[in-house]
N, C-alpha and C. Protein backbone atom coordinates (compact mmCIF):
# COMPACT_ATOMS: atom_id res chain seq x y z
N MET A 1 0.89 -1.19 0.07
CA MET A 1 0.09 -0.10 0.00
C MET A 1 0.97 1.27 -0.06
N ALA A 2 0.66 2.13 -0.75
CA ALA A 2 1.30 3.14 -1.02
C ALA A 2 0.44 4.72 -0.73
N ILE A 3 1.33 5.49 -0.08
CA ILE A 3 0.62 6.95 0.46
C ILE A 3 0.43 7.75 -1.18
N LYS A 4 -0.61 7.98 -1.17
CA LYS A 4 -0.94 8.88 -2.58
C LYS A 4 -1.15 10.16 -2.40
N SER A 5 -0.56 11.10 -3.36
CA SER A 5 -0.76 12.41 -3.16
C SER A 5 -0.62 13.03 -4.80
N THR A 6 -0.85 14.37 -4.95
CA THR A 6 -0.87 15.06 -6.20
C THR A 6 0.99 15.10 -6.69
N GLU A 7 1.57 14.72 -5.74
CA GLU A 7 2.96 14.81 -6.00
C GLU A 7 3.71 13.19 -6.68
N ASN A 8 2.90 12.14 -6.43
CA ASN A 8 3.54 11.00 -6.91
C ASN A 8 2.42 10.23 -7.64
N THR A 9 1.44 10.95 -8.30
CA THR A 9 0.43 10.20 -9.04
C THR A 9 0.33 10.80 -10.51
N GLU A 10 -0.22 9.89 -11.47
CA GLU A 10 -0.49 10.38 -12.61
C GLU A 10 -1.07 11.63 -12.82
N HIS A 11 -0.75 12.53 -13.56
CA HIS A 11 -1.53 13.89 -13.97
C HIS A 11 -1.79 13.97 -15.20
N TYR A 12 -2.88 14.73 -15.27
CA TYR A 12 -3.34 15.09 -16.72
C TYR A 12 -4.13 16.21 -16.63
N THR A 13 -4.34 16.91 -17.63
CA THR A 13 -4.94 18.43 -17.84
C THR A 13 -6.37 17.86 -18.51
N TRP A 14 -7.29 19.05 -18.29
CA TRP A 14 -8.67 18.72 -18.81
C TRP A 14 -9.22 19.94 -18.88
N GLY A 15 -10.13 20.27 -19.96
CA GLY A 15 -10.83 21.49 -19.87
C GLY A 15 -10.19 22.78 -20.24
N ASP A 16 -10.39 23.73 -19.45
CA ASP A 16 -9.84 25.07 -19.84
C ASP A 16 -8.69 25.26 -18.89
N ASN A 17 -7.50 24.37 -18.93
CA ASN A 17 -6.26 24.69 -18.30
C ASN A 17 -6.70 24.08 -16.85
N CYS A 18 -7.48 22.81 -16.75
CA CYS A 18 -7.58 22.29 -15.42
C CYS A 18 -6.75 21.21 -15.33
N ASP A 19 -6.44 20.77 -13.94
CA ASP A 19 -5.54 19.66 -13.58
C ASP A 19 -6.20 18.51 -12.70
N GLY A 20 -5.88 17.42 -12.98
CA GLY A 20 -6.21 16.08 -12.47
C GLY A 20 -5.45 15.26 -12.19
N TRP A 21 -5.45 14.69 -10.89
CA TRP A 21 -4.38 13.44 -10.45
C TRP A 21 -5.18 12.16 -10.18
N HIS A 22 -4.75 11.23 -10.46
CA HIS A 22 -5.21 9.89 -10.34
C HIS A 22 -4.86 9.44 -9.06
N LEU A 23 -5.60 9.38 -7.85
CA LEU A 23 -5.17 9.12 -6.71
C LEU A 23 -5.37 7.42 -6.56
N LEU A 24 -6.50 7.01 -7.14
CA LEU A 24 -6.76 5.50 -7.49
C LEU A 24 -7.48 5.44 -8.90
N LYS A 25 -6.97 4.54 -9.48
CA LYS A 25 -7.44 4.29 -10.99
C LYS A 25 -7.64 2.57 -11.22
N SER A 26 -8.82 2.09 -11.07
CA SER A 26 -9.08 0.91 -11.39
C SER A 26 -10.38 0.94 -12.18
N ASP A 27 -10.90 -0.32 -12.88
CA ASP A 27 -12.05 -0.45 -13.51
C ASP A 27 -13.26 -0.07 -12.48
N SER A 28 -13.18 -0.51 -11.26
CA SER A 28 -14.49 -0.65 -10.41
C SER A 28 -14.45 0.82 -9.80
N LEU A 29 -13.39 1.48 -9.52
CA LEU A 29 -13.47 2.59 -8.91
C LEU A 29 -12.48 3.73 -9.26
N SER A 30 -12.77 4.95 -9.29
CA SER A 30 -11.61 6.12 -9.56
C SER A 30 -11.94 7.20 -8.68
N ILE A 31 -10.59 7.60 -8.19
CA ILE A 31 -10.56 8.77 -7.20
C ILE A 31 -9.51 9.58 -7.83
N ILE A 32 -10.09 10.75 -8.08
CA ILE A 32 -9.27 11.76 -8.85
C ILE A 32 -9.29 13.19 -7.93
N GLN A 33 -8.21 13.80 -7.85
CA GLN A 33 -8.15 15.00 -7.22
C GLN A 33 -8.08 16.14 -8.31
N GLU A 34 -8.90 17.27 -8.32
CA GLU A 34 -8.97 18.05 -9.61
C GLU A 34 -8.76 19.44 -9.15
N LYS A 35 -8.38 20.37 -10.02
CA LYS A 35 -8.37 21.76 -9.81
C LYS A 35 -8.54 22.45 -10.99
N MET A 36 -9.64 23.39 -10.67
CA MET A 36 -9.97 24.34 -11.86
C MET A 36 -9.69 25.74 -11.32
N PRO A 37 -8.83 26.42 -12.41
CA PRO A 37 -8.67 27.72 -12.00
C PRO A 37 -9.83 28.65 -12.13
N ALA A 38 -9.67 30.01 -11.72
CA ALA A 38 -11.05 30.96 -11.45
C ALA A 38 -11.54 30.94 -12.83
N GLN A 39 -12.72 31.31 -13.11
CA GLN A 39 -13.66 31.44 -14.17
C GLN A 39 -13.52 30.51 -15.17
N THR A 40 -13.47 29.28 -14.99
CA THR A 40 -13.47 27.90 -15.78
C THR A 40 -14.61 27.09 -15.55
N SER A 41 -14.77 26.36 -16.70
CA SER A 41 -15.91 25.25 -16.37
C SER A 41 -15.83 24.02 -17.47
N GLU A 42 -16.56 23.22 -17.41
CA GLU A 42 -16.29 22.18 -18.44
C GLU A 42 -17.86 21.87 -19.03
N GLY A 43 -17.74 21.16 -20.12
CA GLY A 43 -18.80 20.93 -21.08
C GLY A 43 -19.62 19.83 -20.51
N LEU A 44 -21.04 20.14 -20.95
CA LEU A 44 -22.24 19.39 -20.48
C LEU A 44 -22.04 18.19 -20.94
N HIS A 45 -22.28 16.95 -19.93
CA HIS A 45 -21.79 15.69 -20.51
C HIS A 45 -22.77 14.71 -19.32
N PHE A 46 -22.90 13.31 -19.72
CA PHE A 46 -23.28 12.39 -18.82
C PHE A 46 -22.45 11.15 -18.87
N HIS A 47 -22.68 10.18 -18.02
CA HIS A 47 -22.08 8.85 -17.87
C HIS A 47 -23.13 8.05 -17.84
N ASN A 48 -22.68 6.79 -18.80
CA ASN A 48 -23.86 5.66 -19.12
C ASN A 48 -24.05 4.97 -17.94
N THR A 49 -22.83 4.58 -17.28
CA THR A 49 -22.87 3.54 -16.17
C THR A 49 -22.12 4.17 -14.91
N ALA A 50 -21.43 5.15 -14.90
CA ALA A 50 -20.71 5.54 -13.74
C ALA A 50 -21.80 6.60 -12.78
N GLN A 51 -21.71 6.43 -11.56
CA GLN A 51 -22.21 7.45 -10.68
C GLN A 51 -20.98 8.38 -10.30
N GLN A 52 -21.30 9.46 -9.85
CA GLN A 52 -19.96 10.30 -9.41
C GLN A 52 -20.34 11.04 -8.16
N PHE A 53 -19.33 11.04 -6.97
CA PHE A 53 -19.43 11.92 -6.04
C PHE A 53 -18.56 12.89 -6.13
N PHE A 54 -18.71 13.98 -5.89
CA PHE A 54 -17.59 15.45 -5.94
C PHE A 54 -17.71 15.92 -4.36
N PHE A 55 -16.37 16.06 -4.02
CA PHE A 55 -16.40 16.60 -2.66
C PHE A 55 -15.49 17.71 -2.55
N ILE A 56 -15.72 19.01 -2.32
CA ILE A 56 -14.99 19.90 -2.55
C ILE A 56 -14.13 20.28 -1.44
N LEU A 57 -12.88 20.45 -1.62
CA LEU A 57 -11.92 20.71 -0.71
C LEU A 57 -11.48 22.18 -0.45
N LYS A 58 -11.54 23.05 -1.44
CA LYS A 58 -11.21 24.58 -1.46
C LYS A 58 -12.21 25.19 -2.52
N GLY A 59 -12.87 26.12 -2.01
CA GLY A 59 -13.63 27.26 -3.03
C GLY A 59 -15.05 26.68 -2.97
N THR A 60 -15.71 27.14 -4.05
CA THR A 60 -17.26 26.94 -4.15
C THR A 60 -17.31 26.63 -5.62
N ALA A 61 -17.95 25.45 -5.76
CA ALA A 61 -18.39 24.97 -7.18
C ALA A 61 -19.74 24.93 -7.29
N THR A 62 -19.98 25.21 -8.90
CA THR A 62 -21.44 25.59 -9.14
C THR A 62 -21.67 24.35 -10.23
N PHE A 63 -22.73 23.77 -9.80
CA PHE A 63 -23.14 22.32 -10.67
C PHE A 63 -24.53 22.70 -11.29
N GLN A 64 -24.56 22.15 -12.63
CA GLN A 64 -25.59 21.98 -13.41
C GLN A 64 -25.92 20.72 -13.48
N ILE A 65 -27.34 20.41 -13.21
CA ILE A 65 -27.62 18.97 -13.50
C ILE A 65 -29.06 19.09 -13.95
N GLU A 66 -29.08 18.54 -15.19
CA GLU A 66 -30.04 18.57 -15.95
C GLU A 66 -30.36 20.28 -16.12
N GLU A 67 -31.57 20.73 -15.72
CA GLU A 67 -31.92 22.30 -15.86
C GLU A 67 -31.62 22.90 -14.44
N GLU A 68 -31.31 22.32 -13.51
CA GLU A 68 -31.19 22.74 -12.25
C GLU A 68 -29.57 23.07 -11.79
N VAL A 69 -29.56 24.30 -11.10
CA VAL A 69 -28.22 24.61 -10.59
C VAL A 69 -28.06 24.75 -9.21
N PHE A 70 -26.81 24.25 -8.65
CA PHE A 70 -26.50 24.00 -7.44
C PHE A 70 -25.16 24.61 -6.92
N GLU A 71 -25.06 25.35 -5.56
CA GLU A 71 -23.86 25.97 -5.25
C GLU A 71 -23.32 25.08 -4.18
N VAL A 72 -22.13 24.55 -4.18
CA VAL A 72 -21.41 23.58 -3.27
C VAL A 72 -20.18 24.14 -2.75
N ASN A 73 -20.22 24.60 -1.37
CA ASN A 73 -19.07 25.14 -0.60
C ASN A 73 -18.05 24.16 -0.44
N GLU A 74 -16.95 24.40 0.19
CA GLU A 74 -15.83 23.48 0.55
C GLU A 74 -16.38 22.79 2.01
N ASN A 75 -15.75 21.40 1.99
CA ASN A 75 -16.30 20.64 3.03
C ASN A 75 -17.71 19.95 2.56
N LYS A 76 -18.23 20.22 1.53
CA LYS A 76 -19.51 19.70 1.17
C LYS A 76 -19.27 18.57 0.03
N GLY A 77 -20.27 17.78 -0.18
CA GLY A 77 -20.20 16.97 -1.34
C GLY A 77 -21.50 16.84 -2.26
N PHE A 78 -21.21 16.47 -3.37
CA PHE A 78 -22.50 16.47 -4.26
C PHE A 78 -22.58 15.02 -5.36
N HIS A 79 -23.44 14.46 -5.47
CA HIS A 79 -23.79 13.10 -5.74
C HIS A 79 -24.75 13.27 -7.26
N VAL A 80 -24.09 12.60 -8.25
CA VAL A 80 -24.62 12.73 -9.74
C VAL A 80 -24.49 11.35 -10.00
N LEU A 81 -25.91 10.91 -10.51
CA LEU A 81 -26.24 9.42 -10.96
C LEU A 81 -25.95 9.42 -12.55
N PRO A 82 -25.85 7.98 -12.96
CA PRO A 82 -25.70 7.75 -14.25
C PRO A 82 -26.85 8.38 -15.03
N HIS A 83 -26.33 8.86 -16.24
CA HIS A 83 -27.50 9.20 -17.10
C HIS A 83 -27.79 10.81 -16.96
N GLN A 84 -27.62 11.18 -15.76
CA GLN A 84 -28.01 12.96 -15.39
C GLN A 84 -26.84 13.91 -16.05
N LYS A 85 -27.46 14.90 -16.99
CA LYS A 85 -26.51 15.58 -17.77
C LYS A 85 -25.92 16.33 -16.72
N HIS A 86 -24.79 16.89 -16.73
CA HIS A 86 -24.01 17.61 -15.60
C HIS A 86 -22.88 18.22 -16.37
N ARG A 87 -22.35 19.53 -15.46
CA ARG A 87 -21.14 20.08 -15.76
C ARG A 87 -20.94 20.92 -14.64
N ILE A 88 -19.57 21.22 -14.05
CA ILE A 88 -19.15 21.85 -13.07
C ILE A 88 -18.53 23.30 -13.73
N PHE A 89 -18.90 24.33 -12.94
CA PHE A 89 -18.26 25.73 -13.11
C PHE A 89 -17.47 26.06 -11.96
N ASN A 90 -16.32 27.07 -12.10
CA ASN A 90 -16.06 27.72 -11.10
C ASN A 90 -16.05 29.12 -11.36
N TYR A 91 -17.05 29.78 -10.88
CA TYR A 91 -17.44 31.43 -11.27
C TYR A 91 -16.68 32.22 -10.35
N THR A 92 -15.76 31.65 -9.47
CA THR A 92 -15.11 32.53 -8.62
C THR A 92 -13.65 33.11 -9.05
N GLU A 93 -13.03 33.90 -8.03
CA GLU A 93 -11.75 34.55 -8.59
C GLU A 93 -10.68 33.63 -7.92
N LEU A 94 -10.93 32.25 -7.14
CA LEU A 94 -10.10 31.73 -6.75
C LEU A 94 -9.99 30.34 -7.26
N ALA A 95 -9.08 29.54 -7.11
CA ALA A 95 -8.82 28.05 -7.80
C ALA A 95 -9.59 27.16 -6.73
N LEU A 96 -10.45 26.20 -7.55
CA LEU A 96 -11.39 25.49 -7.19
C LEU A 96 -10.64 23.97 -6.87
N GLU A 97 -10.61 23.14 -5.85
CA GLU A 97 -10.06 22.12 -5.59
C GLU A 97 -11.06 21.10 -5.09
N PHE A 98 -11.07 19.84 -5.60
CA PHE A 98 -12.32 18.86 -5.17
C PHE A 98 -11.70 17.61 -5.54
N LEU A 99 -12.28 16.50 -5.08
CA LEU A 99 -12.29 14.97 -5.25
C LEU A 99 -13.26 14.66 -6.01
N VAL A 100 -13.11 13.88 -7.02
CA VAL A 100 -14.22 13.37 -7.95
C VAL A 100 -13.98 11.65 -7.86
N ILE A 101 -15.09 11.08 -7.21
CA ILE A 101 -15.04 9.58 -7.02
C ILE A 101 -16.16 9.10 -7.92
N SER A 102 -15.63 8.23 -8.87
CA SER A 102 -16.59 7.50 -9.71
C SER A 102 -16.41 6.14 -9.53
N GLU A 103 -17.88 5.43 -9.69
CA GLU A 103 -17.94 3.98 -9.56
C GLU A 103 -19.03 3.73 -10.63
N PRO A 104 -18.57 2.55 -11.59
CA PRO A 104 -17.14 2.26 -11.72
C PRO A 104 -16.49 3.52 -12.68
N LYS A 105 -15.25 3.30 -13.00
CA LYS A 105 -14.53 4.46 -13.61
C LYS A 105 -15.22 5.28 -14.52
N SER A 106 -15.10 6.64 -14.68
CA SER A 106 -15.83 7.33 -15.72
C SER A 106 -15.26 7.65 -16.95
N HIS A 107 -13.77 7.13 -17.20
CA HIS A 107 -12.91 7.42 -18.23
C HIS A 107 -13.37 6.33 -19.29
N GLY A 108 -13.91 6.76 -20.47
CA GLY A 108 -14.44 5.77 -21.18
C GLY A 108 -15.92 5.90 -21.26
N ASP A 109 -16.81 6.36 -20.38
CA ASP A 109 -18.16 6.25 -20.17
C ASP A 109 -18.65 7.44 -20.19
N ARG A 110 -17.85 8.49 -20.78
CA ARG A 110 -18.38 10.11 -20.95
C ARG A 110 -18.96 10.22 -22.23
N VAL A 111 -20.11 10.91 -22.36
CA VAL A 111 -20.89 11.26 -23.45
C VAL A 111 -20.99 12.85 -23.57
N ASN A 112 -20.29 13.30 -24.34
CA ASN A 112 -20.37 14.85 -24.69
C ASN A 112 -21.42 15.42 -25.16
N LEU A 113 -22.02 16.42 -24.65
CA LEU A 113 -23.49 17.01 -25.52
C LEU A 113 -22.90 18.26 -26.11
């Protein structure tokens, strides 16, 4: 068993200059720490099989789920079910940091809209 952090795990970039680190990467479970710069967002999408739980570490996230909008502050979480159209925004002037936990993994399961 190894201690995982952003310093010793696989890094990737996504969206508008956003960062992600694979803290746990398996077919049945994915845990990623992500960071979104100020005033960034991702495209609307859904997953066919993956459910996701977002836990906000720093900042305030704005989620669009279908036609509803939710604001989620740090130390709070948000659950997204399979087939729910969703996206995340960072409307603030500070970086947003969060964990996204997907079961099963969401990579290869994303449908962009």
